[in-house]
PDB file of N, CA and C in Angstrom:
ATOM      1  N   MET A   1     -35.202   8.320  10.263  1.00  0.00           N
ATOM      2  CA  MET A   1     -33.889   8.850   9.977  1.00  0.00           C
ATOM      3  C   MET A   1     -34.054  10.052   9.039  1.00  0.00           C
ATOM      4  N   ARG A   2     -33.253  11.065   9.280  1.00  0.00           N
ATOM      5  CA  ARG A   2     -33.350  12.266   8.448  1.00  0.00           C
ATOM      6  C   ARG A   2     -32.833  11.986   7.044  1.00  0.00           C
ATOM      7  N   GLU A   3     -33.405  12.695   6.090  1.00  0.00           N
ATOM      8  CA  GLU A   3     -33.048  12.498   4.681  1.00  0.00           C
ATOM      9  C   GLU A   3     -31.569  12.787   4.440  1.00  0.00           C
ATOM     10  N   GLU A   4     -31.027  13.835   5.096  1.00  0.00           N
ATOM     11  CA  GLU A   4     -29.611  14.184   4.904  1.00  0.00           C
ATOM     12  C   GLU A   4     -28.696  13.058   5.385  1.00  0.00           C
ATOM     13  N   THR A   5     -29.077  12.440   6.494  1.00  0.00           N
ATOM     14  CA  THR A   5     -28.288  11.335   7.040  1.00  0.00           C
ATOM     15  C   THR A   5     -28.296  10.156   6.084  1.00  0.00           C
ATOM     16  N   THR A   6     -29.447   9.838   5.553  1.00  0.00           N
ATOM     17  CA  THR A   6     -29.572   8.733   4.607  1.00  0.00           C
ATOM     18  C   THR A   6     -28.742   8.998   3.353  1.00  0.00           C
ATOM     19  N   GLU A   7     -28.810  10.224   2.843  1.00  0.00           N
ATOM     20  CA  GLU A   7     -28.027  10.579   1.656  1.00  0.00           C
ATOM     21  C   GLU A   7     -26.531  10.457   1.937  1.00  0.00           C
ATOM     22  N   PHE A   8     -26.101  10.930   3.106  1.00  0.00           N
ATOM     23  CA  PHE A   8     -24.686  10.857   3.465  1.00  0.00           C
ATOM     24  C   PHE A   8     -24.243   9.403   3.587  1.00  0.00           C
ATOM     25  N   GLU A   9     -25.021   8.577   4.259  1.00  0.00           N
ATOM     26  CA  GLU A   9     -24.669   7.170   4.420  1.00  0.00           C
ATOM     27  C   GLU A   9     -24.612   6.451   3.080  1.00  0.00           C
ATOM     28  N   THR A  10     -25.493   6.800   2.170  1.00  0.00           N
ATOM     29  CA  THR A  10     -25.472   6.219   0.831  1.00  0.00           C
ATOM     30  C   THR A  10     -24.195   6.622   0.105  1.00  0.00           C
ATOM     31  N   LEU A  11     -23.849   7.884   0.183  1.00  0.00           N
ATOM     32  CA  LEU A  11     -22.623   8.378  -0.451  1.00  0.00           C
ATOM     33  C   LEU A  11     -21.393   7.731   0.175  1.00  0.00           C
ATOM     34  N   ALA A  12     -21.350   7.661   1.502  1.00  0.00           N
ATOM     35  CA  ALA A  12     -20.214   7.051   2.197  1.00  0.00           C
ATOM     36  C   ALA A  12     -20.073   5.577   1.815  1.00  0.00           C
ATOM     37  N   GLY A  13     -21.188   4.884   1.703  1.00  0.00           N
ATOM     38  CA  GLY A  13     -21.155   3.481   1.298  1.00  0.00           C
ATOM     39  C   GLY A  13     -20.642   3.310  -0.117  1.00  0.00           C
ATOM     40  N   THR A  14     -21.054   4.193  -0.999  1.00  0.00           N
ATOM     41  CA  THR A  14     -20.593   4.151  -2.393  1.00  0.00           C
ATOM     42  C   THR A  14     -19.097   4.413  -2.470  1.00  0.00           C
ATOM     43  N   ILE A  15     -18.630   5.417  -1.735  1.00  0.00           N
ATOM     44  CA  ILE A  15     -17.193   5.738  -1.714  1.00  0.00           C
ATOM     45  C   ILE A  15     -16.397   4.562  -1.158  1.00  0.00           C
ATOM     46  N   SER A  16     -16.861   4.010  -0.053  1.00  0.00           N
ATOM     47  CA  SER A  16     -16.171   2.877   0.568  1.00  0.00           C
ATOM     48  C   SER A  16     -16.094   1.682  -0.377  1.00  0.00           C
ATOM     49  N   ALA A  17     -17.196   1.390  -1.052  1.00  0.00           N
ATOM     50  CA  ALA A  17     -17.219   0.262  -1.990  1.00  0.00           C
ATOM     51  C   ALA A  17     -16.246   0.490  -3.144  1.00  0.00           C
ATOM     52  N   ARG A  18     -16.201   1.709  -3.655  1.00  0.00           N
ATOM     53  CA  ARG A  18     -15.282   2.031  -4.758  1.00  0.00           C
ATOM     54  C   ARG A  18     -13.829   1.916  -4.320  1.00  0.00           C
ATOM     55  N   LEU A  19     -13.511   2.428  -3.126  1.00  0.00           N
ATOM     56  CA  LEU A  19     -12.140   2.335  -2.626  1.00  0.00           C
ATOM     57  C   LEU A  19     -11.739   0.884  -2.370  1.00  0.00           C
ATOM     58  N   GLU A  20     -12.678   0.085  -1.884  1.00  0.00           N
ATOM     59  CA  GLU A  20     -12.394  -1.336  -1.679  1.00  0.00           C
ATOM     60  C   GLU A  20     -12.124  -2.017  -3.011  1.00  0.00           C
ATOM     61  N   GLU A  21     -12.908  -1.670  -4.011  1.00  0.00           N
ATOM     62  CA  GLU A  21     -12.741  -2.270  -5.337  1.00  0.00           C
ATOM     63  C   GLU A  21     -11.364  -1.946  -5.923  1.00  0.00           C
ATOM     64  N   VAL A  22     -10.971  -0.694  -5.891  1.00  0.00           N
ATOM     65  CA  VAL A  22      -9.701  -0.309  -6.506  1.00  0.00           C
ATOM     66  C   VAL A  22      -8.505  -0.567  -5.594  1.00  0.00           C
ATOM     67  N   GLY A  23      -8.732  -0.548  -4.276  1.00  0.00           N
ATOM     68  CA  GLY A  23      -7.629  -0.740  -3.332  1.00  0.00           C
ATOM     69  C   GLY A  23      -7.368  -2.193  -2.974  1.00  0.00           C
ATOM     70  N   GLY A  24      -8.342  -3.043  -3.194  1.00  0.00           N
ATOM     71  CA  GLY A  24      -8.146  -4.469  -2.952  1.00  0.00           C
ATOM     72  C   GLY A  24      -8.389  -4.920  -1.522  1.00  0.00           C
ATOM     73  N   MET A  25      -8.844  -4.016  -0.667  1.00  0.00           N
ATOM     74  CA  MET A  25      -9.179  -4.417   0.701  1.00  0.00           C
ATOM     75  C   MET A  25     -10.229  -3.456   1.245  1.00  0.00           C
ATOM     76  N   PRO A  26     -10.980  -3.883   2.242  1.00  0.00           N
ATOM     77  CA  PRO A  26     -11.990  -3.001   2.816  1.00  0.00           C
ATOM     78  C   PRO A  26     -11.351  -1.724   3.380  1.00  0.00           C
ATOM     79  N   LEU A  27     -12.029  -0.608   3.220  1.00  0.00           N
ATOM     80  CA  LEU A  27     -11.521   0.674   3.688  1.00  0.00           C
ATOM     81  C   LEU A  27     -11.205   0.635   5.175  1.00  0.00           C
ATOM     82  N   ASN A  28     -12.066   0.025   5.971  1.00  0.00           N
ATOM     83  CA  ASN A  28     -11.834  -0.063   7.411  1.00  0.00           C
ATOM     84  C   ASN A  28     -10.511  -0.759   7.708  1.00  0.00           C
ATOM     85  N   ASP A  29     -10.222  -1.856   7.011  1.00  0.00           N
ATOM     86  CA  ASP A  29      -8.961  -2.574   7.216  1.00  0.00           C
ATOM     87  C   ASP A  29      -7.771  -1.704   6.811  1.00  0.00           C
ATOM     88  N   ALA A  30      -7.889  -1.019   5.693  1.00  0.00           N
ATOM     89  CA  ALA A  30      -6.806  -0.160   5.221  1.00  0.00           C
ATOM     90  C   ALA A  30      -6.519   0.947   6.222  1.00  0.00           C
ATOM     91  N   VAL A  31      -7.561   1.547   6.771  1.00  0.00           N
ATOM     92  CA  VAL A  31      -7.381   2.616   7.756  1.00  0.00           C
ATOM     93  C   VAL A  31      -6.706   2.071   9.012  1.00  0.00           C
ATOM     94  N   LEU A  32      -7.108   0.886   9.461  1.00  0.00           N
ATOM     95  CA  LEU A  32      -6.462   0.281  10.633  1.00  0.00           C
ATOM     96  C   LEU A  32      -4.979   0.028  10.376  1.00  0.00           C
ATOM     97  N   HIS A  33      -4.635  -0.453   9.182  1.00  0.00           N
ATOM     98  CA  HIS A  33      -3.232  -0.678   8.826  1.00  0.00           C
ATOM     99  C   HIS A  33      -2.457   0.637   8.791  1.00  0.00           C
ATOM    100  N   MET A  34      -3.090   1.672   8.243  1.00  0.00           N
ATOM    101  CA  MET A  34      -2.415   2.967   8.178  1.00  0.00           C
ATOM    102  C   MET A  34      -2.157   3.530   9.578  1.00  0.00           C
ATOM    103  N   HIS A  35      -3.097   3.336  10.483  1.00  0.00           N
ATOM    104  CA  HIS A  35      -2.884   3.784  11.864  1.00  0.00           C
ATOM    105  C   HIS A  35      -1.726   3.020  12.501  1.00  0.00           C
ATOM    106  N   ALA A  36      -1.638   1.727  12.230  1.00  0.00           N
ATOM    107  CA  ALA A  36      -0.535   0.928  12.772  1.00  0.00           C
ATOM    108  C   ALA A  36       0.808   1.398  12.211  1.00  0.00           C
ATOM    109  N   VAL A  37       0.853   1.687  10.927  1.00  0.00           N
ATOM    110  CA  VAL A  37       2.085   2.186  10.309  1.00  0.00           C
ATOM    111  C   VAL A  37       2.450   3.544  10.903  1.00  0.00           C
ATOM    112  N   LYS A  38       1.460   4.395  11.092  1.00  0.00           N
ATOM    113  CA  LYS A  38       1.707   5.713  11.686  1.00  0.00           C
ATOM    114  C   LYS A  38       2.295   5.564  13.094  1.00  0.00           C
ATOM    115  N   ARG A  39       1.723   4.668  13.907  1.00  0.00           N
ATOM    116  CA  ARG A  39       2.246   4.447  15.260  1.00  0.00           C
ATOM    117  C   ARG A  39       3.673   3.918  15.213  1.00  0.00           C
ATOM    118  N   PHE A  40       3.937   3.006  14.288  1.00  0.00           N
ATOM    119  CA  PHE A  40       5.272   2.430  14.148  1.00  0.00           C
ATOM    120  C   PHE A  40       6.289   3.508  13.792  1.00  0.00           C
ATOM    121  N   ILE A  41       5.968   4.321  12.798  1.00  0.00           N
ATOM    122  CA  ILE A  41       6.884   5.372  12.360  1.00  0.00           C
ATOM    123  C   ILE A  41       7.077   6.399  13.472  1.00  0.00           C
ATOM    124  N   ALA A  42       6.007   6.770  14.142  1.00  0.00           N
ATOM    125  CA  ALA A  42       6.105   7.740  15.235  1.00  0.00           C
ATOM    126  C   ALA A  42       6.966   7.195  16.373  1.00  0.00           C
ATOM    127  N   SER A  43       6.821   5.917  16.685  1.00  0.00           N
ATOM    128  CA  SER A  43       7.630   5.309  17.747  1.00  0.00           C
ATOM    129  C   SER A  43       9.108   5.289  17.369  1.00  0.00           C
ATOM    130  N   CYS A  44       9.391   4.953  16.124  1.00  0.00           N
ATOM    131  CA  CYS A  44      10.779   4.948  15.660  1.00  0.00           C
ATOM    132  C   CYS A  44      11.369   6.352  15.702  1.00  0.00           C
ATOM    133  N   ALA A  45      10.588   7.324  15.272  1.00  0.00           N
ATOM    134  CA  ALA A  45      11.064   8.713  15.272  1.00  0.00           C
ATOM    135  C   ALA A  45      11.269   9.211  16.697  1.00  0.00           C
ATOM    136  N   ALA A  46      10.336   8.892  17.595  1.00  0.00           N
ATOM    137  CA  ALA A  46      10.430   9.353  18.985  1.00  0.00           C
ATOM    138  C   ALA A  46      11.617   8.741  19.715  1.00  0.00           C
ATOM    139  N   SER A  47      11.994   7.538  19.319  1.00  0.00           N
ATOM    140  CA  SER A  47      13.116   6.875  19.984  1.00  0.00           C
ATOM    141  C   SER A  47      14.455   7.207  19.333  1.00  0.00           C
ATOM    142  N   GLY A  48      14.423   8.059  18.320  1.00  0.00           N
ATOM    143  CA  GLY A  48      15.662   8.479  17.671  1.00  0.00           C
ATOM    144  C   GLY A  48      16.160   7.538  16.593  1.00  0.00           C
ATOM    145  N   CYS A  49      15.316   6.639  16.151  1.00  0.00           N
ATOM    146  CA  CYS A  49      15.706   5.662  15.131  1.00  0.00           C
ATOM    147  C   CYS A  49      15.216   6.049  13.737  1.00  0.00           C
ATOM    148  N   HIS A  50      14.915   7.316  13.522  1.00  0.00           N
ATOM    149  CA  HIS A  50      14.344   7.714  12.237  1.00  0.00           C
ATOM    150  C   HIS A  50      15.306   7.482  11.078  1.00  0.00           C
ATOM    151  N   GLN A  51      16.604   7.643  11.307  1.00  0.00           N
ATOM    152  CA  GLN A  51      17.557   7.411  10.214  1.00  0.00           C
ATOM    153  C   GLN A  51      17.626   5.930   9.855  1.00  0.00           C
ATOM    154  N   GLU A  52      17.639   5.079  10.869  1.00  0.00           N
ATOM    155  CA  GLU A  52      17.649   3.639  10.623  1.00  0.00           C
ATOM    156  C   GLU A  52      16.384   3.207   9.894  1.00  0.00           C
ATOM    157  N   LEU A  53      15.257   3.780  10.311  1.00  0.00           N
ATOM    158  CA  LEU A  53      13.990   3.457   9.651  1.00  0.00           C
ATOM    159  C   LEU A  53      14.018   3.901   8.194  1.00  0.00           C
ATOM    160  N   GLN A  54      14.550   5.084   7.942  1.00  0.00           N
ATOM    161  CA  GLN A  54      14.608   5.578   6.569  1.00  0.00           C
ATOM    162  C   GLN A  54      15.481   4.676   5.706  1.00  0.00           C
ATOM    163  N   VAL A  55      16.629   4.262   6.223  1.00  0.00           N
ATOM    164  CA  VAL A  55      17.511   3.363   5.470  1.00  0.00           C
ATOM    165  C   VAL A  55      16.804   2.034   5.195  1.00  0.00           C
ATOM    166  N   ALA A  56      16.168   1.470   6.220  1.00  0.00           N
ATOM    167  CA  ALA A  56      15.471   0.187   6.052  1.00  0.00           C
ATOM    168  C   ALA A  56      14.349   0.301   5.023  1.00  0.00           C
ATOM    169  N   MET A  57      13.611   1.405   5.066  1.00  0.00           N
ATOM    170  CA  MET A  57      12.515   1.576   4.114  1.00  0.00           C
ATOM    171  C   MET A  57      13.043   1.805   2.704  1.00  0.00           C
ATOM    172  N   GLU A  58      14.158   2.519   2.573  1.00  0.00           N
ATOM    173  CA  GLU A  58      14.758   2.704   1.250  1.00  0.00           C
ATOM    174  C   GLU A  58      15.197   1.368   0.669  1.00  0.00           C
ATOM    175  N   ARG A  59      15.797   0.530   1.476  1.00  0.00           N
ATOM    176  CA  ARG A  59      16.228  -0.792   1.007  1.00  0.00           C
ATOM    177  C   ARG A  59      15.052  -1.680   0.629  1.00  0.00           C
ATOM    178  N   ALA A  60      13.906  -1.414   1.226  1.00  0.00           N
ATOM    179  CA  ALA A  60      12.700  -2.191   0.913  1.00  0.00           C
ATOM    180  C   ALA A  60      11.915  -1.579  -0.244  1.00  0.00           C
ATOM    181  N   GLY A  61      12.445  -0.510  -0.826  1.00  0.00           N
ATOM    182  CA  GLY A  61      11.753   0.134  -1.945  1.00  0.00           C
ATOM    183  C   GLY A  61      10.688   1.121  -1.511  1.00  0.00           C
ATOM    184  N   LEU A  62      10.742   1.563  -0.266  1.00  0.00           N
ATOM    185  CA  LEU A  62       9.734   2.474   0.267  1.00  0.00           C
ATOM    186  C   LEU A  62      10.333   3.810   0.693  1.00  0.00           C
ATOM    187  N   GLY A  63      11.439   4.172   0.081  1.00  0.00           N
ATOM    188  CA  GLY A  63      12.115   5.414   0.438  1.00  0.00           C
ATOM    189  C   GLY A  63      11.244   6.635   0.248  1.00  0.00           C
ATOM    190  N   ASP A  64      10.463   6.649  -0.823  1.00  0.00           N
ATOM    191  CA  ASP A  64       9.585   7.795  -1.064  1.00  0.00           C
ATOM    192  C   ASP A  64       8.524   7.912   0.019  1.00  0.00           C
ATOM    193  N   LEU A  65       8.059   6.781   0.509  1.00  0.00           N
ATOM    194  CA  LEU A  65       7.074   6.790   1.577  1.00  0.00           C
ATOM    195  C   LEU A  65       7.696   7.282   2.878  1.00  0.00           C
ATOM    196  N   ALA A  66       8.899   6.819   3.183  1.00  0.00           N
ATOM    197  CA  ALA A  66       9.592   7.285   4.387  1.00  0.00           C
ATOM    198  C   ALA A  66       9.843   8.783   4.309  1.00  0.00           C
ATOM    199  N   GLU A  67      10.262   9.231   3.169  1.00  0.00           N
ATOM    200  CA  GLU A  67      10.538  10.671   2.971  1.00  0.00           C
ATOM    201  C   GLU A  67       9.275  11.506   3.186  1.00  0.00           C
ATOM    202  N   ALA A  68       8.143  10.975   2.790  1.00  0.00           N
ATOM    203  CA  ALA A  68       6.881  11.702   2.936  1.00  0.00           C
ATOM    204  C   ALA A  68       6.339  11.633   4.355  1.00  0.00           C
ATOM    205  N   LEU A  69       6.488  10.479   5.015  1.00  0.00           N
ATOM    206  CA  LEU A  69       5.838  10.285   6.319  1.00  0.00           C
ATOM    207  C   LEU A  69       6.650  10.742   7.510  1.00  0.00           C
ATOM    208  N   LEU A  70       7.956  10.591   7.478  1.00  0.00           N
ATOM    209  CA  LEU A  70       8.763  10.953   8.637  1.00  0.00           C
ATOM    210  C   LEU A  70       8.565  12.401   9.066  1.00  0.00           C
ATOM    211  N   PRO A  71       8.546  13.349   8.166  1.00  0.00           N
ATOM    212  CA  PRO A  71       8.317  14.737   8.616  1.00  0.00           C
ATOM    213  C   PRO A  71       6.932  14.952   9.239  1.00  0.00           C
ATOM    214  N   LEU A  72       5.979  14.135   8.865  1.00  0.00           N
ATOM    215  CA  LEU A  72       4.619  14.302   9.386  1.00  0.00           C
ATOM    216  C   LEU A  72       4.480  13.842  10.830  1.00  0.00           C
ATOM    217  N   VAL A  73       5.281  12.873  11.236  1.00  0.00           N
ATOM    218  CA  VAL A  73       5.163  12.355  12.597  1.00  0.00           C
ATOM    219  C   VAL A  73       6.148  13.049  13.531  1.00  0.00           C
ATOM    220  N   GLY A  74       7.011  13.863  13.000  1.00  0.00           N
ATOM    221  CA  GLY A  74       7.983  14.596  13.815  1.00  0.00           C
ATOM    222  C   GLY A  74       9.210  13.770  14.108  1.00  0.00           C
ATOM    223  N   ARG A  75      10.294  14.478  14.245  1.00  0.00           N
ATOM    224  CA  ARG A  75      11.557  13.777  14.552  1.00  0.00           C
ATOM    225  C   ARG A  75      12.056  14.172  15.902  1.00  0.00           C
TER     226      ARG A  75
END
């Protein structure tokens, strides 16, 4: 294995371990959850339910997240 590859894998492993430690779950699991949330928000936006989603997220205490994510997935 090339030295650069080994160095990168070591760095990636260190970053992943640190994120797992502070985030409370493995990075791979967190990324999978984020992809699921992205698909959910995109589906709601594509079907014209973005306002309902925003209201529901605000009531759940996630209004700031809805405000940040809805523009990213398109309306």
